[in-house]
Amino acid sequence: MNIKSYILLVNREKNFLTTACQSLLDTGYPILTATTMSNALDLLSNNTVVLIICGSELTDASRHQFLRVLKSSP
């Protein structure tokens, strides 16, 4: 069984996400993107993510708030 795993890019700047996502896709990495903490958490609950790259501020939370939620979630 081959489970696809992803890199999750989380940033409030959509232009950054587009550019970074395309660069990683061009090198063969599977990517998921989110601009909000709620969207990122939804993606994490439904996909296998091996790396999270997060900007300092999201649309609905700070990076520190996002990390606290991740740390307290199973």
PDB file of N, CA and C in Angstrom:
ATOM      1  N   MET A   1       0.847  -1.180   0.000  1.00  0.00           N
ATOM      2  CA  MET A   1       0.000   0.000   0.000  1.00  0.00           C
ATOM      3  C   MET A   1       0.888   1.237   0.000  1.00  0.00           C
ATOM      4  N   ASN A   2       0.654   2.148  -0.918  1.00  0.00           N
ATOM      5  CA  ASN A   2       1.450   3.353  -1.044  1.00  0.00           C
ATOM      6  C   ASN A   2       0.594   4.556  -0.655  1.00  0.00           C
ATOM      7  N   ILE A   3       0.882   5.130   0.513  1.00  0.00           N
ATOM      8  CA  ILE A   3       0.132   6.284   0.995  1.00  0.00           C
ATOM      9  C   ILE A   3       0.883   7.542   0.580  1.00  0.00           C
ATOM     10  N   LYS A   4       0.190   8.455  -0.078  1.00  0.00           N
ATOM     11  CA  LYS A   4       0.812   9.694  -0.527  1.00  0.00           C
ATOM     12  C   LYS A   4       0.965  10.634   0.666  1.00  0.00           C
ATOM     13  N   SER A   5       2.157  11.170   0.824  1.00  0.00           N
ATOM     14  CA  SER A   5       2.407  12.138   1.888  1.00  0.00           C
ATOM     15  C   SER A   5       2.730  13.499   1.265  1.00  0.00           C
ATOM     16  N   TYR A   6       2.449  14.543   2.009  1.00  0.00           N
ATOM     17  CA  TYR A   6       2.502  15.905   1.486  1.00  0.00           C
ATOM     18  C   TYR A   6       3.384  16.814   2.329  1.00  0.00           C
ATOM     19  N   ILE A   7       3.788  17.916   1.716  1.00  0.00           N
ATOM     20  CA  ILE A   7       4.338  19.057   2.418  1.00  0.00           C
ATOM     21  C   ILE A   7       3.198  20.068   2.508  1.00  0.00           C
ATOM     22  N   LEU A   8       2.979  20.605   3.695  1.00  0.00           N
ATOM     23  CA  LEU A   8       1.919  21.592   3.906  1.00  0.00           C
ATOM     24  C   LEU A   8       2.550  22.981   4.033  1.00  0.00           C
ATOM     25  N   LEU A   9       2.216  23.868   3.110  1.00  0.00           N
ATOM     26  CA  LEU A   9       2.643  25.264   3.170  1.00  0.00           C
ATOM     27  C   LEU A   9       1.496  26.090   3.733  1.00  0.00           C
ATOM     28  N   VAL A  10       1.768  26.831   4.811  1.00  0.00           N
ATOM     29  CA  VAL A  10       0.731  27.637   5.446  1.00  0.00           C
ATOM     30  C   VAL A  10       1.239  29.071   5.524  1.00  0.00           C
ATOM     31  N   ASN A  11       0.535  29.967   4.855  1.00  0.00           N
ATOM     32  CA  ASN A  11       0.937  31.366   4.820  1.00  0.00           C
ATOM     33  C   ASN A  11      -0.260  32.206   4.409  1.00  0.00           C
ATOM     34  N   ARG A  12      -0.365  33.405   4.949  1.00  0.00           N
ATOM     35  CA  ARG A  12      -1.518  34.256   4.599  1.00  0.00           C
ATOM     36  C   ARG A  12      -1.371  34.897   3.225  1.00  0.00           C
ATOM     37  N   GLU A  13      -0.147  34.930   2.693  1.00  0.00           N
ATOM     38  CA  GLU A  13       0.107  35.551   1.395  1.00  0.00           C
ATOM     39  C   GLU A  13      -0.103  34.545   0.261  1.00  0.00           C
ATOM     40  N   LYS A  14      -1.180  34.705  -0.479  1.00  0.00           N
ATOM     41  CA  LYS A  14      -1.505  33.769  -1.558  1.00  0.00           C
ATOM     42  C   LYS A  14      -0.455  33.781  -2.671  1.00  0.00           C
ATOM     43  N   ASN A  15       0.134  34.947  -2.950  1.00  0.00           N
ATOM     44  CA  ASN A  15       1.177  35.012  -3.974  1.00  0.00           C
ATOM     45  C   ASN A  15       2.392  34.182  -3.584  1.00  0.00           C
ATOM     46  N   PHE A  16       2.770  34.243  -2.300  1.00  0.00           N
ATOM     47  CA  PHE A  16       3.878  33.428  -1.827  1.00  0.00           C
ATOM     48  C   PHE A  16       3.553  31.951  -1.979  1.00  0.00           C
ATOM     49  N   LEU A  17       2.342  31.568  -1.576  1.00  0.00           N
ATOM     50  CA  LEU A  17       1.945  30.161  -1.688  1.00  0.00           C
ATOM     51  C   LEU A  17       1.989  29.678  -3.129  1.00  0.00           C
ATOM     52  N   THR A  18       1.512  30.491  -4.036  1.00  0.00           N
ATOM     53  CA  THR A  18       1.509  30.117  -5.449  1.00  0.00           C
ATOM     54  C   THR A  18       2.928  29.895  -5.962  1.00  0.00           C
ATOM     55  N   THR A  19       3.822  30.833  -5.657  1.00  0.00           N
ATOM     56  CA  THR A  19       5.205  30.738  -6.125  1.00  0.00           C
ATOM     57  C   THR A  19       5.933  29.563  -5.487  1.00  0.00           C
ATOM     58  N   ALA A  20       5.840  29.445  -4.167  1.00  0.00           N
ATOM     59  CA  ALA A  20       6.528  28.359  -3.462  1.00  0.00           C
ATOM     60  C   ALA A  20       5.965  27.003  -3.864  1.00  0.00           C
ATOM     61  N   CYS A  21       4.659  26.911  -3.983  1.00  0.00           N
ATOM     62  CA  CYS A  21       4.014  25.663  -4.376  1.00  0.00           C
ATOM     63  C   CYS A  21       4.490  25.225  -5.756  1.00  0.00           C
ATOM     64  N   GLN A  22       4.515  26.138  -6.696  1.00  0.00           N
ATOM     65  CA  GLN A  22       4.934  25.791  -8.045  1.00  0.00           C
ATOM     66  C   GLN A  22       6.391  25.332  -8.076  1.00  0.00           C
ATOM     67  N   SER A  23       7.243  25.992  -7.323  1.00  0.00           N
ATOM     68  CA  SER A  23       8.659  25.596  -7.263  1.00  0.00           C
ATOM     69  C   SER A  23       8.805  24.177  -6.727  1.00  0.00           C
ATOM     70  N   LEU A  24       8.077  23.855  -5.676  1.00  0.00           N
ATOM     71  CA  LEU A  24       8.160  22.515  -5.090  1.00  0.00           C
ATOM     72  C   LEU A  24       7.510  21.472  -5.993  1.00  0.00           C
ATOM     73  N   LEU A  25       6.389  21.824  -6.613  1.00  0.00           N
ATOM     74  CA  LEU A  25       5.748  20.895  -7.548  1.00  0.00           C
ATOM     75  C   LEU A  25       6.653  20.586  -8.734  1.00  0.00           C
ATOM     76  N   ASP A  26       7.380  21.602  -9.212  1.00  0.00           N
ATOM     77  CA  ASP A  26       8.294  21.410 -10.340  1.00  0.00           C
ATOM     78  C   ASP A  26       9.413  20.427 -10.013  1.00  0.00           C
ATOM     79  N   THR A  27       9.755  20.299  -8.739  1.00  0.00           N
ATOM     80  CA  THR A  27      10.804  19.356  -8.337  1.00  0.00           C
ATOM     81  C   THR A  27      10.238  18.008  -7.895  1.00  0.00           C
ATOM     82  N   GLY A  28       8.916  17.874  -7.979  1.00  0.00           N
ATOM     83  CA  GLY A  28       8.302  16.582  -7.728  1.00  0.00           C
ATOM     84  C   GLY A  28       7.701  16.374  -6.354  1.00  0.00           C
ATOM     85  N   TYR A  29       7.667  17.409  -5.519  1.00  0.00           N
ATOM     86  CA  TYR A  29       7.090  17.250  -4.187  1.00  0.00           C
ATOM     87  C   TYR A  29       5.584  17.476  -4.223  1.00  0.00           C
ATOM     88  N   PRO A  30       4.813  16.620  -3.564  1.00  0.00           N
ATOM     89  CA  PRO A  30       3.375  16.848  -3.458  1.00  0.00           C
ATOM     90  C   PRO A  30       3.098  17.900  -2.377  1.00  0.00           C
ATOM     91  N   ILE A  31       2.291  18.888  -2.714  1.00  0.00           N
ATOM     92  CA  ILE A  31       2.096  20.050  -1.851  1.00  0.00           C
ATOM     93  C   ILE A  31       0.616  20.268  -1.549  1.00  0.00           C
ATOM     94  N   LEU A  32       0.359  20.697  -0.314  1.00  0.00           N
ATOM     95  CA  LEU A  32      -0.943  21.219   0.082  1.00  0.00           C
ATOM     96  C   LEU A  32      -0.707  22.635   0.576  1.00  0.00           C
ATOM     97  N   THR A  33      -1.676  23.525   0.397  1.00  0.00           N
ATOM     98  CA  THR A  33      -1.526  24.900   0.863  1.00  0.00           C
ATOM     99  C   THR A  33      -2.743  25.341   1.655  1.00  0.00           C
ATOM    100  N   ALA A  34      -2.497  26.278   2.585  1.00  0.00           N
ATOM    101  CA  ALA A  34      -3.572  26.857   3.386  1.00  0.00           C
ATOM    102  C   ALA A  34      -3.198  28.281   3.761  1.00  0.00           C
ATOM    103  N   THR A  35      -4.209  29.135   3.909  1.00  0.00           N
ATOM    104  CA  THR A  35      -3.977  30.503   4.357  1.00  0.00           C
ATOM    105  C   THR A  35      -4.504  30.733   5.767  1.00  0.00           C
ATOM    106  N   THR A  36      -5.293  29.781   6.278  1.00  0.00           N
ATOM    107  CA  THR A  36      -5.867  29.910   7.620  1.00  0.00           C
ATOM    108  C   THR A  36      -5.532  28.692   8.460  1.00  0.00           C
ATOM    109  N   MET A  37      -5.550  28.900   9.772  1.00  0.00           N
ATOM    110  CA  MET A  37      -5.305  27.794  10.687  1.00  0.00           C
ATOM    111  C   MET A  37      -6.395  26.734  10.541  1.00  0.00           C
ATOM    112  N   SER A  38      -7.637  27.157  10.408  1.00  0.00           N
ATOM    113  CA  SER A  38      -8.734  26.192  10.312  1.00  0.00           C
ATOM    114  C   SER A  38      -8.605  25.324   9.062  1.00  0.00           C
ATOM    115  N   ASN A  39      -8.211  25.923   7.947  1.00  0.00           N
ATOM    116  CA  ASN A  39      -8.020  25.155   6.722  1.00  0.00           C
ATOM    117  C   ASN A  39      -6.823  24.206   6.860  1.00  0.00           C
ATOM    118  N   ALA A  40      -5.752  24.679   7.480  1.00  0.00           N
ATOM    119  CA  ALA A  40      -4.573  23.835   7.683  1.00  0.00           C
ATOM    120  C   ALA A  40      -4.908  22.630   8.565  1.00  0.00           C
ATOM    121  N   LEU A  41      -5.670  22.859   9.623  1.00  0.00           N
ATOM    122  CA  LEU A  41      -6.051  21.754  10.505  1.00  0.00           C
ATOM    123  C   LEU A  41      -6.934  20.744   9.779  1.00  0.00           C
ATOM    124  N   ASP A  42      -7.811  21.228   8.929  1.00  0.00           N
ATOM    125  CA  ASP A  42      -8.651  20.340   8.127  1.00  0.00           C
ATOM    126  C   ASP A  42      -7.787  19.487   7.194  1.00  0.00           C
ATOM    127  N   LEU A  43      -6.819  20.113   6.536  1.00  0.00           N
ATOM    128  CA  LEU A  43      -5.919  19.362   5.649  1.00  0.00           C
ATOM    129  C   LEU A  43      -5.112  18.327   6.429  1.00  0.00           C
ATOM    130  N   LEU A  44      -4.670  18.691   7.621  1.00  0.00           N
ATOM    131  CA  LEU A  44      -3.896  17.759   8.453  1.00  0.00           C
ATOM    132  C   LEU A  44      -4.731  16.562   8.899  1.00  0.00           C
ATOM    133  N   SER A  45      -6.008  16.789   9.134  1.00  0.00           N
ATOM    134  CA  SER A  45      -6.855  15.682   9.595  1.00  0.00           C
ATOM    135  C   SER A  45      -7.235  14.727   8.468  1.00  0.00           C
ATOM    136  N   ASN A  46      -7.096  15.172   7.214  1.00  0.00           N
ATOM    137  CA  ASN A  46      -7.517  14.345   6.085  1.00  0.00           C
ATOM    138  C   ASN A  46      -6.385  13.866   5.180  1.00  0.00           C
ATOM    139  N   ASN A  47      -5.136  14.225   5.514  1.00  0.00           N
ATOM    140  CA  ASN A  47      -4.000  13.869   4.667  1.00  0.00           C
ATOM    141  C   ASN A  47      -2.795  13.502   5.521  1.00  0.00           C
ATOM    142  N   THR A  48      -1.861  12.777   4.947  1.00  0.00           N
ATOM    143  CA  THR A  48      -0.610  12.470   5.612  1.00  0.00           C
ATOM    144  C   THR A  48       0.381  13.569   5.260  1.00  0.00           C
ATOM    145  N   VAL A  49       0.758  14.351   6.261  1.00  0.00           N
ATOM    146  CA  VAL A  49       1.676  15.469   6.063  1.00  0.00           C
ATOM    147  C   VAL A  49       2.980  15.147   6.786  1.00  0.00           C
ATOM    148  N   VAL A  50       4.097  15.242   6.063  1.00  0.00           N
ATOM    149  CA  VAL A  50       5.396  14.924   6.649  1.00  0.00           C
ATOM    150  C   VAL A  50       6.198  16.167   7.017  1.00  0.00           C
ATOM    151  N   LEU A  51       5.806  17.329   6.489  1.00  0.00           N
ATOM    152  CA  LEU A  51       6.513  18.575   6.776  1.00  0.00           C
ATOM    153  C   LEU A  51       5.528  19.728   6.696  1.00  0.00           C
ATOM    154  N   ILE A  52       5.585  20.618   7.685  1.00  0.00           N
ATOM    155  CA  ILE A  52       4.769  21.830   7.682  1.00  0.00           C
ATOM    156  C   ILE A  52       5.713  23.023   7.624  1.00  0.00           C
ATOM    157  N   ILE A  53       5.487  23.889   6.649  1.00  0.00           N
ATOM    158  CA  ILE A  53       6.226  25.149   6.552  1.00  0.00           C
ATOM    159  C   ILE A  53       5.203  26.252   6.762  1.00  0.00           C
ATOM    160  N   CYS A  54       5.400  27.021   7.845  1.00  0.00           N
ATOM    161  CA  CYS A  54       4.382  27.986   8.253  1.00  0.00           C
ATOM    162  C   CYS A  54       4.968  29.384   8.350  1.00  0.00           C
ATOM    163  N   GLY A  55       4.248  30.360   7.794  1.00  0.00           N
ATOM    164  CA  GLY A  55       4.624  31.757   7.930  1.00  0.00           C
ATOM    165  C   GLY A  55       4.368  32.251   9.342  1.00  0.00           C
ATOM    166  N   SER A  56       4.784  33.473   9.621  1.00  0.00           N
ATOM    167  CA  SER A  56       4.647  33.990  10.988  1.00  0.00           C
ATOM    168  C   SER A  56       3.222  34.388  11.345  1.00  0.00           C
ATOM    169  N   GLU A  57       2.431  34.768  10.369  1.00  0.00           N
ATOM    170  CA  GLU A  57       1.040  35.144  10.618  1.00  0.00           C
ATOM    171  C   GLU A  57       0.135  34.489   9.590  1.00  0.00           C
ATOM    172  N   LEU A  58      -0.946  33.917  10.067  1.00  0.00           N
ATOM    173  CA  LEU A  58      -1.962  33.357   9.183  1.00  0.00           C
ATOM    174  C   LEU A  58      -3.129  34.336   9.135  1.00  0.00           C
ATOM    175  N   THR A  59      -4.096  34.055   8.303  1.00  0.00           N
ATOM    176  CA  THR A  59      -5.246  34.938   8.200  1.00  0.00           C
ATOM    177  C   THR A  59      -6.032  34.989   9.508  1.00  0.00           C
ATOM    178  N   ASP A  60      -6.133  33.856  10.203  1.00  0.00           N
ATOM    179  CA  ASP A  60      -6.962  33.792  11.413  1.00  0.00           C
ATOM    180  C   ASP A  60      -6.196  33.481  12.697  1.00  0.00           C
ATOM    181  N   ALA A  61      -4.861  33.434  12.658  1.00  0.00           N
ATOM    182  CA  ALA A  61      -4.082  33.105  13.850  1.00  0.00           C
ATOM    183  C   ALA A  61      -2.610  33.424  13.614  1.00  0.00           C
ATOM    184  N   SER A  62      -1.855  33.440  14.706  1.00  0.00           N
ATOM    185  CA  SER A  62      -0.407  33.583  14.570  1.00  0.00           C
ATOM    186  C   SER A  62       0.213  32.193  14.450  1.00  0.00           C
ATOM    187  N   ARG A  63       1.464  32.158  14.029  1.00  0.00           N
ATOM    188  CA  ARG A  63       2.179  30.881  13.935  1.00  0.00           C
ATOM    189  C   ARG A  63       2.220  30.203  15.306  1.00  0.00           C
ATOM    190  N   HIS A  64       2.415  30.991  16.365  1.00  0.00           N
ATOM    191  CA  HIS A  64       2.503  30.421  17.711  1.00  0.00           C
ATOM    192  C   HIS A  64       1.173  29.800  18.143  1.00  0.00           C
ATOM    193  N   GLN A  65       0.070  30.447  17.824  1.00  0.00           N
ATOM    194  CA  GLN A  65      -1.241  29.876  18.136  1.00  0.00           C
ATOM    195  C   GLN A  65      -1.436  28.564  17.380  1.00  0.00           C
ATOM    196  N   PHE A  66      -1.060  28.544  16.104  1.00  0.00           N
ATOM    197  CA  PHE A  66      -1.176  27.342  15.285  1.00  0.00           C
ATOM    198  C   PHE A  66      -0.344  26.208  15.881  1.00  0.00           C
ATOM    199  N   LEU A  67       0.883  26.500  16.272  1.00  0.00           N
ATOM    200  CA  LEU A  67       1.743  25.469  16.862  1.00  0.00           C
ATOM    201  C   LEU A  67       1.191  24.964  18.199  1.00  0.00           C
ATOM    202  N   ARG A  68       0.604  25.878  18.999  1.00  0.00           N
ATOM    203  CA  ARG A  68      -0.007  25.441  20.274  1.00  0.00           C
ATOM    204  C   ARG A  68      -1.165  24.472  20.005  1.00  0.00           C
ATOM    205  N   VAL A  69      -1.992  24.781  19.016  1.00  0.00           N
ATOM    206  CA  VAL A  69      -3.112  23.898  18.676  1.00  0.00           C
ATOM    207  C   VAL A  69      -2.583  22.541  18.198  1.00  0.00           C
ATOM    208  N   LEU A  70      -1.562  22.558  17.348  1.00  0.00           N
ATOM    209  CA  LEU A  70      -0.970  21.303  16.881  1.00  0.00           C
ATOM    210  C   LEU A  70      -0.420  20.480  18.024  1.00  0.00           C
ATOM    211  N   LYS A  71       0.268  21.136  18.940  1.00  0.00           N
ATOM    212  CA  LYS A  71       0.883  20.436  20.074  1.00  0.00           C
ATOM    213  C   LYS A  71      -0.178  19.794  20.980  1.00  0.00           C
ATOM    214  N   SER A  72      -1.315  20.452  21.132  1.00  0.00           N
ATOM    215  CA  SER A  72      -2.351  19.926  22.029  1.00  0.00           C
ATOM    216  C   SER A  72      -3.306  18.950  21.354  1.00  0.00           C
ATOM    217  N   SER A  73      -3.194  18.801  20.025  1.00  0.00           N
ATOM    218  CA  SER A  73      -4.072  17.883  19.288  1.00  0.00           C
ATOM    219  C   SER A  73      -3.412  16.521  19.147  1.00  0.00           C
ATOM    220  N   PRO A  74      -4.227  15.461  19.159  1.00  0.00           N
ATOM    221  CA  PRO A  74      -3.640  14.124  18.990  1.00  0.00           C
ATOM    222  C   PRO A  74      -3.116  13.898  17.585  1.00  0.00           C
TER     223      PRO A  74
END
